[in-house]
N, C-alpha and C. Protein backbone atom coordinates (compact mmCIF):
# COMPACT_ATOMS: atom_id res chain seq x y z
N MET A 1 110.02 112.92 19.62
CA MET A 1 109.87 113.71 18.41
C MET A 1 110.79 113.18 17.32
N LEU A 2 111.94 112.69 17.72
CA LEU A 2 112.83 112.09 16.74
C LEU A 2 112.17 110.86 16.12
N ARG A 3 111.39 110.15 16.92
CA ARG A 3 110.67 108.98 16.41
C ARG A 3 109.72 109.38 15.29
N TRP A 4 109.00 110.49 15.47
CA TRP A 4 108.07 110.94 14.43
C TRP A 4 108.83 111.37 13.17
N ALA A 5 109.98 112.00 13.34
CA ALA A 5 110.78 112.39 12.18
C ALA A 5 111.22 111.16 11.40
N LEU A 6 111.62 110.11 12.11
CA LEU A 6 112.03 108.89 11.44
C LEU A 6 110.85 108.21 10.74
N ILE A 7 109.68 108.25 11.37
CA ILE A 7 108.49 107.66 10.74
C ILE A 7 108.14 108.38 9.45
N PHE A 8 108.16 109.72 9.46
CA PHE A 8 107.87 110.47 8.25
C PHE A 8 108.94 110.26 7.19
N PHE A 9 110.19 110.06 7.61
CA PHE A 9 111.26 109.78 6.66
C PHE A 9 111.04 108.44 5.98
N ILE A 10 110.63 107.45 6.74
CA ILE A 10 110.35 106.12 6.15
C ILE A 10 109.15 106.20 5.22
N ILE A 11 108.12 106.96 5.61
CA ILE A 11 106.97 107.16 4.72
C ILE A 11 107.40 107.82 3.42
N ALA A 12 108.30 108.77 3.52
CA ALA A 12 108.79 109.45 2.32
C ALA A 12 109.56 108.49 1.40
N ILE A 13 110.35 107.62 1.99
CA ILE A 13 111.11 106.66 1.18
C ILE A 13 110.16 105.68 0.49
N VAL A 14 109.18 105.17 1.21
CA VAL A 14 108.22 104.24 0.63
C VAL A 14 107.41 104.93 -0.47
N ALA A 15 106.99 106.16 -0.23
CA ALA A 15 106.22 106.90 -1.24
C ALA A 15 107.06 107.18 -2.47
N ALA A 16 108.34 107.46 -2.28
CA ALA A 16 109.22 107.72 -3.42
C ALA A 16 109.42 106.46 -4.25
N VAL A 17 109.50 105.30 -3.59
CA VAL A 17 109.66 104.04 -4.31
C VAL A 17 108.44 103.75 -5.18
N PHE A 18 107.25 104.05 -4.65
CA PHE A 18 106.04 103.79 -5.40
C PHE A 18 105.68 104.91 -6.38
N GLY A 19 106.43 106.00 -6.37
CA GLY A 19 106.24 107.05 -7.35
C GLY A 19 105.27 108.14 -6.97
N PHE A 20 104.94 108.25 -5.70
CA PHE A 20 104.05 109.33 -5.26
C PHE A 20 104.91 110.54 -4.89
N GLY A 21 105.22 111.37 -5.86
CA GLY A 21 106.14 112.49 -5.64
C GLY A 21 105.63 113.51 -4.64
N GLY A 22 104.36 113.86 -4.72
CA GLY A 22 103.81 114.86 -3.81
C GLY A 22 103.78 114.40 -2.38
N ILE A 23 103.41 113.14 -2.18
CA ILE A 23 103.37 112.58 -0.82
C ILE A 23 104.78 112.48 -0.26
N ALA A 24 105.72 112.06 -1.09
CA ALA A 24 107.10 111.93 -0.63
C ALA A 24 107.68 113.29 -0.24
N ALA A 25 107.41 114.29 -1.04
CA ALA A 25 107.93 115.63 -0.74
C ALA A 25 107.32 116.17 0.55
N GLY A 26 106.04 115.93 0.74
CA GLY A 26 105.39 116.38 1.96
C GLY A 26 105.94 115.69 3.19
N ALA A 27 106.13 114.39 3.11
CA ALA A 27 106.65 113.63 4.25
C ALA A 27 108.10 114.03 4.56
N VAL A 28 108.88 114.29 3.52
CA VAL A 28 110.26 114.71 3.74
C VAL A 28 110.30 116.06 4.43
N SER A 29 109.44 116.98 4.01
CA SER A 29 109.46 118.30 4.64
C SER A 29 109.02 118.22 6.10
N ILE A 30 108.03 117.39 6.40
CA ILE A 30 107.60 117.22 7.79
C ILE A 30 108.72 116.58 8.61
N ALA A 31 109.36 115.56 8.06
CA ALA A 31 110.46 114.89 8.78
C ALA A 31 111.61 115.86 9.03
N ARG A 32 111.91 116.71 8.05
CA ARG A 32 113.00 117.67 8.20
C ARG A 32 112.68 118.68 9.30
N ILE A 33 111.46 119.18 9.31
CA ILE A 33 111.06 120.16 10.34
C ILE A 33 111.13 119.53 11.73
N LEU A 34 110.59 118.32 11.87
CA LEU A 34 110.62 117.65 13.17
C LEU A 34 112.04 117.36 13.62
N PHE A 35 112.91 117.00 12.67
CA PHE A 35 114.30 116.71 13.02
C PHE A 35 114.99 117.96 13.54
N PHE A 36 114.79 119.10 12.88
CA PHE A 36 115.43 120.33 13.34
C PHE A 36 114.87 120.79 14.68
N ILE A 37 113.58 120.59 14.90
CA ILE A 37 113.00 120.92 16.21
C ILE A 37 113.63 120.03 17.28
N PHE A 38 113.82 118.76 16.96
CA PHE A 38 114.45 117.84 17.91
C PHE A 38 115.87 118.29 18.22
N ILE A 39 116.63 118.68 17.22
CA ILE A 39 118.01 119.13 17.44
C ILE A 39 118.04 120.37 18.33
N VAL A 40 117.16 121.32 18.07
CA VAL A 40 117.12 122.54 18.87
C VAL A 40 116.77 122.22 20.32
N LEU A 41 115.76 121.38 20.54
CA LEU A 41 115.39 121.00 21.90
C LEU A 41 116.50 120.24 22.60
N PHE A 42 117.21 119.40 21.86
CA PHE A 42 118.33 118.67 22.43
C PHE A 42 119.43 119.62 22.87
N LEU A 43 119.76 120.59 22.03
CA LEU A 43 120.81 121.54 22.38
C LEU A 43 120.40 122.40 23.58
N ILE A 44 119.14 122.80 23.64
CA ILE A 44 118.68 123.59 24.78
C ILE A 44 118.78 122.78 26.07
N SER A 45 118.37 121.52 26.03
CA SER A 45 118.45 120.68 27.23
C SER A 45 119.90 120.39 27.61
N LEU A 46 120.75 120.23 26.62
CA LEU A 46 122.17 120.00 26.89
C LEU A 46 122.80 121.21 27.56
N ILE A 47 122.54 122.39 27.03
CA ILE A 47 123.11 123.62 27.60
C ILE A 47 122.56 123.87 29.01
N SER A 48 121.25 123.67 29.18
CA SER A 48 120.69 123.88 30.52
C SER A 48 121.22 122.87 31.52
N GLY A 49 121.47 121.66 31.08
CA GLY A 49 122.06 120.65 31.96
C GLY A 49 123.48 120.99 32.35
N LEU A 50 124.23 121.55 31.41
CA LEU A 50 125.61 121.95 31.73
C LEU A 50 125.65 123.17 32.65
N LEU A 51 124.68 124.06 32.51
CA LEU A 51 124.67 125.26 33.36
C LEU A 51 124.22 124.95 34.77
N ARG A 52 123.43 123.90 34.97
CA ARG A 52 122.97 123.54 36.31
C ARG A 52 124.09 122.96 37.17
N LYS A 53 125.04 122.31 36.55
CA LYS A 53 126.12 121.66 37.31
C LYS A 53 127.16 122.60 37.80
């Protein structure tokens, strides 16, 4: 999922360079959502791993 967030972030940067404001804003919002979902899933797996030991 982090890979998809990075892909959308790169799409946003490329779109911003070429001046497509709407596309860049959309890709940034998708990348941000995926990144936060990744962080939450990472923290849940980290906590569950610590509780198992």
